Amino acid sequence: MPKVILITGTSTGLGVQIAVQAAQAGHTVYATMRNLAKRGILDVAASDAGVNFNVLELDVQDSASVNAAVDQIIANEDRIDTLINNAGAGFVRTTEQASEEDVAWVMDVNFMGVVRCTKAMMPHMRSARSGHVITISSVGGLVGQPFNEIYCAAKFAVEGYTEALASYVTPNFGIHFSTVEPGGIQSEFAANVLKHVEATGGIAICSDTCSR
């Protein structure tokens, strides 16, 4: 049966491919992104695949934006069957190099973004007694990685959050939760991380305090 699917972070990479393949499978797709000016890659992919979907603005760092997108889809379709939390941001920095602002940003995008979107969906799925929340996590949410501890911490938080929800929401309300933990993917996501590292001075393996 065709589903109504909301996907976040569809301006590049994995989000584009998820949106295209979901549309090819016959589902009603709402592909969302923070900045609609960056929808060009998505539009080209849709045209090449011969599919259509709805494109909406949704900034996972802004609760009002999340709620507005969800409300619009509910008004149009009267339901959302599946939420795919795909939006995220990479970050490669040691703890010593990361500022508190850096840490807050990584946690806000990668963890709080998932919380905001899931929270907006819960009343509708709970009322329907059905639904599926799929979150694109990372292998970094299962195994800590060198120079990547802040990003891993955010993804570990996503894993714990999802497992805790599934422990009581699934048996009582029929809403299912899944996390997907991919390894490295060659995409604009990875390229942007590397650009950020290069532009901000690289990675310091050890500071001058390590020998003290």
C-alpha atoms as a PDB file:
ATOM      1  CA  MET A   1       0.000   0.000   0.000  1.00  0.00           C
ATOM      2  CA  PRO A   2       1.444   3.424  -0.940  1.00  0.00           C
ATOM      3  CA  LYS A   3       2.646   5.478   2.002  1.00  0.00           C
ATOM      4  CA  VAL A   4       2.836   9.202   2.709  1.00  0.00           C
ATOM      5  CA  ILE A   5       6.505   9.753   3.502  1.00  0.00           C
ATOM      6  CA  LEU A   6       8.236  12.809   4.948  1.00  0.00           C
ATOM      7  CA  ILE A   7      11.988  12.928   4.380  1.00  0.00           C
ATOM      8  CA  THR A   8      14.327  15.536   5.853  1.00  0.00           C
ATOM      9  CA  GLY A   9      17.632  16.671   4.401  1.00  0.00           C
ATOM     10  CA  THR A  10      16.962  16.026   0.711  1.00  0.00           C
ATOM     11  CA  SER A  11      19.103  18.713  -0.910  1.00  0.00           C
ATOM     12  CA  THR A  12      22.031  16.365  -1.577  1.00  0.00           C
ATOM     13  CA  GLY A  13      23.402  12.854  -1.299  1.00  0.00           C
ATOM     14  CA  LEU A  14      21.522  10.121   0.480  1.00  0.00           C
ATOM     15  CA  GLY A  15      18.400  12.239   0.983  1.00  0.00           C
ATOM     16  CA  VAL A  16      18.043  12.753  -2.765  1.00  0.00           C
ATOM     17  CA  GLN A  17      18.343   9.033  -3.442  1.00  0.00           C
ATOM     18  CA  ILE A  18      15.870   8.103  -0.710  1.00  0.00           C
ATOM     19  CA  ALA A  19      13.326  10.557  -2.119  1.00  0.00           C
ATOM     20  CA  VAL A  20      13.747   9.298  -5.686  1.00  0.00           C
ATOM     21  CA  GLN A  21      13.534   5.620  -4.764  1.00  0.00           C
ATOM     22  CA  ALA A  22      10.513   6.158  -2.528  1.00  0.00           C
ATOM     23  CA  ALA A  23       8.734   7.959  -5.373  1.00  0.00           C
ATOM     24  CA  GLN A  24       9.708   5.202  -7.817  1.00  0.00           C
ATOM     25  CA  ALA A  25       8.115   2.708  -5.438  1.00  0.00           C
ATOM     26  CA  GLY A  26       4.815   4.574  -5.757  1.00  0.00           C
ATOM     27  CA  HIS A  27       4.756   6.424  -2.452  1.00  0.00           C
ATOM     28  CA  THR A  28       3.630  10.022  -1.923  1.00  0.00           C
ATOM     29  CA  VAL A  29       6.867  11.774  -1.019  1.00  0.00           C
ATOM     30  CA  TYR A  30       7.418  15.071   0.739  1.00  0.00           C
ATOM     31  CA  ALA A  31      11.078  15.925   0.285  1.00  0.00           C
ATOM     32  CA  THR A  32      12.198  18.672   2.630  1.00  0.00           C
ATOM     33  CA  MET A  33      15.264  20.824   3.151  1.00  0.00           C
ATOM     34  CA  ARG A  34      16.360  23.879   5.105  1.00  0.00           C
ATOM     35  CA  ASN A  35      17.032  26.072   2.074  1.00  0.00           C
ATOM     36  CA  LEU A  36      14.814  25.634  -0.987  1.00  0.00           C
ATOM     37  CA  ALA A  37      17.348  27.541  -3.081  1.00  0.00           C
ATOM     38  CA  LYS A  38      19.424  24.345  -2.910  1.00  0.00           C
ATOM     39  CA  ARG A  39      16.797  22.084  -4.470  1.00  0.00           C
ATOM     40  CA  GLY A  40      18.531  21.958  -7.861  1.00  0.00           C
ATOM     41  CA  ILE A  41      20.206  18.562  -7.374  1.00  0.00           C
ATOM     42  CA  LEU A  42      16.929  17.074  -6.156  1.00  0.00           C
ATOM     43  CA  ASP A  43      14.986  18.451  -9.113  1.00  0.00           C
ATOM     44  CA  VAL A  44      17.510  17.094 -11.618  1.00  0.00           C
ATOM     45  CA  ALA A  45      17.433  13.666  -9.971  1.00  0.00           C
ATOM     46  CA  ALA A  46      13.624  13.619 -10.061  1.00  0.00           C
ATOM     47  CA  SER A  47      13.606  14.602 -13.721  1.00  0.00           C
ATOM     48  CA  ASP A  48      16.195  11.977 -14.633  1.00  0.00           C
ATOM     49  CA  ALA A  49      14.209   9.296 -12.780  1.00  0.00           C
ATOM     50  CA  GLY A  50      10.871  10.434 -14.211  1.00  0.00           C
ATOM     51  CA  VAL A  51       9.257  10.884 -10.811  1.00  0.00           C
ATOM     52  CA  ASN A  52       7.427  13.646  -8.996  1.00  0.00           C
ATOM     53  CA  PHE A  53       7.270  14.612  -5.353  1.00  0.00           C
ATOM     54  CA  ASN A  54       6.428  17.556  -3.177  1.00  0.00           C
ATOM     55  CA  VAL A  55       9.247  19.792  -1.955  1.00  0.00           C
ATOM     56  CA  LEU A  56       8.835  21.723   1.285  1.00  0.00           C
ATOM     57  CA  GLU A  57      10.994  23.916   3.481  1.00  0.00           C
ATOM     58  CA  LEU A  58      11.871  22.295   6.791  1.00  0.00           C
ATOM     59  CA  ASP A  59      14.725  23.366   9.043  1.00  0.00           C
ATOM     60  CA  VAL A  60      15.363  20.702  11.690  1.00  0.00           C
ATOM     61  CA  GLN A  61      16.900  23.365  13.946  1.00  0.00           C
ATOM     62  CA  ASP A  62      13.656  25.338  14.051  1.00  0.00           C
ATOM     63  CA  SER A  63      10.598  23.836  15.770  1.00  0.00           C
ATOM     64  CA  ALA A  64       8.254  26.304  14.069  1.00  0.00           C
ATOM     65  CA  SER A  65       9.578  25.239  10.659  1.00  0.00           C
ATOM     66  CA  VAL A  66       9.214  21.552  11.517  1.00  0.00           C
ATOM     67  CA  ASN A  67       5.672  21.986  12.816  1.00  0.00           C
ATOM     68  CA  ALA A  68       4.634  24.075   9.807  1.00  0.00           C
ATOM     69  CA  ALA A  69       5.819  21.409   7.367  1.00  0.00           C
ATOM     70  CA  VAL A  70       4.109  18.609   9.282  1.00  0.00           C
ATOM     71  CA  ASP A  71       0.874  20.615   9.548  1.00  0.00           C
ATOM     72  CA  GLN A  72       0.905  21.287   5.814  1.00  0.00           C
ATOM     73  CA  ILE A  73       1.329  17.624   4.965  1.00  0.00           C
ATOM     74  CA  ILE A  74      -1.425  16.602   7.384  1.00  0.00           C
ATOM     75  CA  ALA A  75      -3.708  19.230   5.825  1.00  0.00           C
ATOM     76  CA  ASN A  76      -2.954  17.864   2.346  1.00  0.00           C
ATOM     77  CA  GLU A  77      -2.945  14.117   3.057  1.00  0.00           C
ATOM     78  CA  ASP A  78      -4.645  13.683   6.461  1.00  0.00           C
ATOM     79  CA  ARG A  79      -1.780  11.440   7.550  1.00  0.00           C
ATOM     80  CA  ILE A  80       1.952  10.801   7.477  1.00  0.00           C
ATOM     81  CA  ASP A  81       2.834   7.117   7.479  1.00  0.00           C
ATOM     82  CA  THR A  82       6.602   7.337   7.578  1.00  0.00           C
ATOM     83  CA  LEU A  83       9.104   9.895   8.812  1.00  0.00           C
ATOM     84  CA  ILE A  84      12.667   9.517   7.579  1.00  0.00           C
ATOM     85  CA  ASN A  85      15.036  11.575   9.718  1.00  0.00           C
ATOM     86  CA  ASN A  86      17.883  12.002   7.254  1.00  0.00           C
ATOM     87  CA  ALA A  87      19.063  15.584   7.865  1.00  0.00           C
ATOM     88  CA  GLY A  88      22.392  15.826   9.634  1.00  0.00           C
ATOM     89  CA  ALA A  89      25.792  17.461   9.632  1.00  0.00           C
ATOM     90  CA  GLY A  90      29.255  15.973   9.906  1.00  0.00           C
ATOM     91  CA  PHE A  91      31.965  17.256  12.193  1.00  0.00           C
ATOM     92  CA  VAL A  92      35.570  16.142  12.586  1.00  0.00           C
ATOM     93  CA  ARG A  93      37.384  17.774  15.471  1.00  0.00           C
ATOM     94  CA  THR A  94      39.083  16.680  18.676  1.00  0.00           C
ATOM     95  CA  THR A  95      37.538  17.692  21.981  1.00  0.00           C
ATOM     96  CA  GLU A  96      40.356  20.168  22.574  1.00  0.00           C
ATOM     97  CA  GLN A  97      39.730  21.873  19.249  1.00  0.00           C
ATOM     98  CA  ALA A  98      35.942  21.972  19.483  1.00  0.00           C
ATOM     99  CA  SER A  99      34.379  25.060  20.997  1.00  0.00           C
ATOM    100  CA  GLU A 100      31.231  24.817  23.103  1.00  0.00           C
ATOM    101  CA  GLU A 101      29.400  26.484  20.211  1.00  0.00           C
ATOM    102  CA  ASP A 102      30.656  23.729  17.883  1.00  0.00           C
ATOM    103  CA  VAL A 103      29.446  21.022  20.245  1.00  0.00           C
ATOM    104  CA  ALA A 104      26.052  22.670  20.691  1.00  0.00           C
ATOM    105  CA  TRP A 105      25.624  22.969  16.914  1.00  0.00           C
ATOM    106  CA  VAL A 106      26.535  19.322  16.237  1.00  0.00           C
ATOM    107  CA  MET A 107      24.135  18.118  18.927  1.00  0.00           C
ATOM    108  CA  ASP A 108      21.390  20.469  17.763  1.00  0.00           C
ATOM    109  CA  VAL A 109      21.474  19.354  14.131  1.00  0.00           C
ATOM    110  CA  ASN A 110      22.122  15.640  14.597  1.00  0.00           C
ATOM    111  CA  PHE A 111      20.243  14.891  17.817  1.00  0.00           C
ATOM    112  CA  MET A 112      17.769  17.671  18.570  1.00  0.00           C
ATOM    113  CA  GLY A 113      16.776  17.762  14.892  1.00  0.00           C
ATOM    114  CA  VAL A 114      15.661  14.142  15.204  1.00  0.00           C
ATOM    115  CA  VAL A 115      13.825  14.914  18.444  1.00  0.00           C
ATOM    116  CA  ARG A 116      11.996  17.912  16.958  1.00  0.00           C
ATOM    117  CA  CYS A 117      10.792  16.008  13.912  1.00  0.00           C
ATOM    118  CA  THR A 118       9.831  12.904  15.858  1.00  0.00           C
ATOM    119  CA  LYS A 119       7.974  14.979  18.454  1.00  0.00           C
ATOM    120  CA  ALA A 120       6.001  16.774  15.735  1.00  0.00           C
ATOM    121  CA  MET A 121       4.962  13.433  14.239  1.00  0.00           C
ATOM    122  CA  MET A 122       4.042  11.560  17.409  1.00  0.00           C
ATOM    123  CA  PRO A 123       0.519  12.930  18.017  1.00  0.00           C
ATOM    124  CA  HIS A 124      -0.556  12.084  14.453  1.00  0.00           C
ATOM    125  CA  MET A 125       0.933   8.594  14.459  1.00  0.00           C
ATOM    126  CA  ARG A 126      -0.326   7.907  17.978  1.00  0.00           C
ATOM    127  CA  SER A 127      -3.834   8.903  16.934  1.00  0.00           C
ATOM    128  CA  ALA A 128      -3.616   6.597  13.912  1.00  0.00           C
ATOM    129  CA  ARG A 129      -2.068   3.828  16.034  1.00  0.00           C
ATOM    130  CA  SER A 130       0.437   3.249  13.266  1.00  0.00           C
ATOM    131  CA  GLY A 131       3.513   4.750  11.678  1.00  0.00           C
ATOM    132  CA  HIS A 132       7.217   4.258  11.198  1.00  0.00           C
ATOM    133  CA  VAL A 133      10.052   6.584  12.196  1.00  0.00           C
ATOM    134  CA  ILE A 134      13.279   5.744  10.386  1.00  0.00           C
ATOM    135  CA  THR A 135      16.386   7.624  11.447  1.00  0.00           C
ATOM    136  CA  ILE A 136      19.604   7.682   9.456  1.00  0.00           C
ATOM    137  CA  SER A 137      22.230   7.394  12.143  1.00  0.00           C
ATOM    138  CA  SER A 138      25.813   6.270  11.519  1.00  0.00           C
ATOM    139  CA  VAL A 139      28.227   3.509  12.342  1.00  0.00           C
ATOM    140  CA  GLY A 140      29.631   6.306  14.524  1.00  0.00           C
ATOM    141  CA  GLY A 141      26.553   5.830  16.695  1.00  0.00           C
ATOM    142  CA  LEU A 142      27.657   2.280  17.444  1.00  0.00           C
ATOM    143  CA  VAL A 143      31.462   2.520  17.617  1.00  0.00           C
ATOM    144  CA  GLY A 144      33.517   5.514  18.706  1.00  0.00           C
ATOM    145  CA  GLN A 145      35.888   6.838  16.052  1.00  0.00           C
ATOM    146  CA  PRO A 146      39.133   8.792  16.460  1.00  0.00           C
ATOM    147  CA  PHE A 147      38.914  12.580  15.971  1.00  0.00           C
ATOM    148  CA  ASN A 148      35.144  12.182  15.679  1.00  0.00           C
ATOM    149  CA  GLU A 149      34.003  12.021  19.291  1.00  0.00           C
ATOM    150  CA  ILE A 150      31.588  14.958  19.177  1.00  0.00           C
ATOM    151  CA  TYR A 151      29.768  13.649  16.110  1.00  0.00           C
ATOM    152  CA  CYS A 152      29.772  10.128  17.579  1.00  0.00           C
ATOM    153  CA  ALA A 153      28.293  11.461  20.809  1.00  0.00           C
ATOM    154  CA  ALA A 154      25.387  12.976  18.883  1.00  0.00           C
ATOM    155  CA  LYS A 155      24.777   9.732  17.011  1.00  0.00           C
ATOM    156  CA  PHE A 156      25.032   7.655  20.207  1.00  0.00           C
ATOM    157  CA  ALA A 157      22.335   9.969  21.610  1.00  0.00           C
ATOM    158  CA  VAL A 158      20.137   9.241  18.590  1.00  0.00           C
ATOM    159  CA  GLU A 159      20.544   5.500  19.131  1.00  0.00           C
ATOM    160  CA  GLY A 160      19.591   5.710  22.809  1.00  0.00           C
ATOM    161  CA  TYR A 161      16.660   8.000  22.100  1.00  0.00           C
ATOM    162  CA  THR A 162      15.282   5.678  19.433  1.00  0.00           C
ATOM    163  CA  GLU A 163      15.717   2.507  21.487  1.00  0.00           C
ATOM    164  CA  ALA A 164      13.977   4.110  24.473  1.00  0.00           C
ATOM    165  CA  LEU A 165      11.019   5.225  22.357  1.00  0.00           C
ATOM    166  CA  ALA A 166      10.665   1.786  20.820  1.00  0.00           C
ATOM    167  CA  SER A 167      10.599   0.165  24.262  1.00  0.00           C
ATOM    168  CA  TYR A 168       7.195   1.597  25.137  1.00  0.00           C
ATOM    169  CA  VAL A 169       5.692   3.450  22.172  1.00  0.00           C
ATOM    170  CA  THR A 170       5.771   0.484  19.786  1.00  0.00           C
ATOM    171  CA  PRO A 171       3.890  -2.012  21.998  1.00  0.00           C
ATOM    172  CA  ASN A 172       1.341   0.553  23.151  1.00  0.00           C
ATOM    173  CA  PHE A 173       0.679   2.589  20.004  1.00  0.00           C
ATOM    174  CA  GLY A 174       1.904   0.514  17.055  1.00  0.00           C
ATOM    175  CA  ILE A 175       4.496   3.073  15.959  1.00  0.00           C
ATOM    176  CA  HIS A 176       7.712   1.432  14.816  1.00  0.00           C
ATOM    177  CA  PHE A 177      11.215   2.843  15.074  1.00  0.00           C
ATOM    178  CA  SER A 178      14.304   1.978  13.067  1.00  0.00           C
ATOM    179  CA  THR A 179      17.821   3.322  12.890  1.00  0.00           C
ATOM    180  CA  VAL A 180      20.141   2.838   9.950  1.00  0.00           C
ATOM    181  CA  GLU A 181      23.887   2.938  10.628  1.00  0.00           C
ATOM    182  CA  PRO A 182      25.747   3.407   7.330  1.00  0.00           C
ATOM    183  CA  GLY A 183      29.495   3.646   7.066  1.00  0.00           C
ATOM    184  CA  GLY A 184      31.207   6.243   4.933  1.00  0.00           C
ATOM    185  CA  ILE A 185      29.288   7.376   1.871  1.00  0.00           C
ATOM    186  CA  GLN A 186      30.890   9.336  -0.937  1.00  0.00           C
ATOM    187  CA  SER A 187      28.597  12.357  -1.166  1.00  0.00           C
ATOM    188  CA  GLU A 188      28.377  16.106  -0.771  1.00  0.00           C
ATOM    189  CA  PHE A 189      27.927  15.480   2.971  1.00  0.00           C
ATOM    190  CA  ALA A 190      31.425  14.005   3.267  1.00  0.00           C
ATOM    191  CA  ALA A 191      32.895  16.635   0.956  1.00  0.00           C
ATOM    192  CA  ASN A 192      31.478  19.432   3.108  1.00  0.00           C
ATOM    193  CA  VAL A 193      33.020  17.927   6.239  1.00  0.00           C
ATOM    194  CA  LEU A 194      36.449  17.800   4.633  1.00  0.00           C
ATOM    195  CA  LYS A 195      36.117  21.362   3.358  1.00  0.00           C
ATOM    196  CA  HIS A 196      35.263  22.552   6.863  1.00  0.00           C
ATOM    197  CA  VAL A 197      38.265  20.764   8.355  1.00  0.00           C
ATOM    198  CA  GLU A 198      40.632  22.251   5.772  1.00  0.00           C
ATOM    199  CA  ALA A 199      39.176  25.742   6.103  1.00  0.00           C
ATOM    200  CA  THR A 200      39.505  25.778   9.885  1.00  0.00           C
ATOM    201  CA  GLY A 201      43.092  24.654  10.289  1.00  0.00           C
ATOM    202  CA  GLY A 202      42.981  20.875  10.106  1.00  0.00           C
ATOM    203  CA  ILE A 203      43.047  18.461  13.025  1.00  0.00           C
ATOM    204  CA  ALA A 204      45.450  18.733  15.921  1.00  0.00           C
ATOM    205  CA  ILE A 205      46.265  15.169  17.000  1.00  0.00           C
ATOM    206  CA  CYS A 206      47.794  16.394  20.251  1.00  0.00           C
ATOM    207  CA  SER A 207      48.000  19.827  21.833  1.00  0.00           C
ATOM    208  CA  ASP A 208      51.013  21.212  23.648  1.00  0.00           C
ATOM    209  CA  THR A 209      49.471  20.042  26.920  1.00  0.00           C
ATOM    210  CA  CYS A 210      49.702  16.351  25.989  1.00  0.00           C
ATOM    211  CA  SER A 211      53.294  16.060  27.160  1.00  0.00           C
ATOM    212  CA  ARG A 212      52.666  17.698  30.534  1.00  0.00           C
END
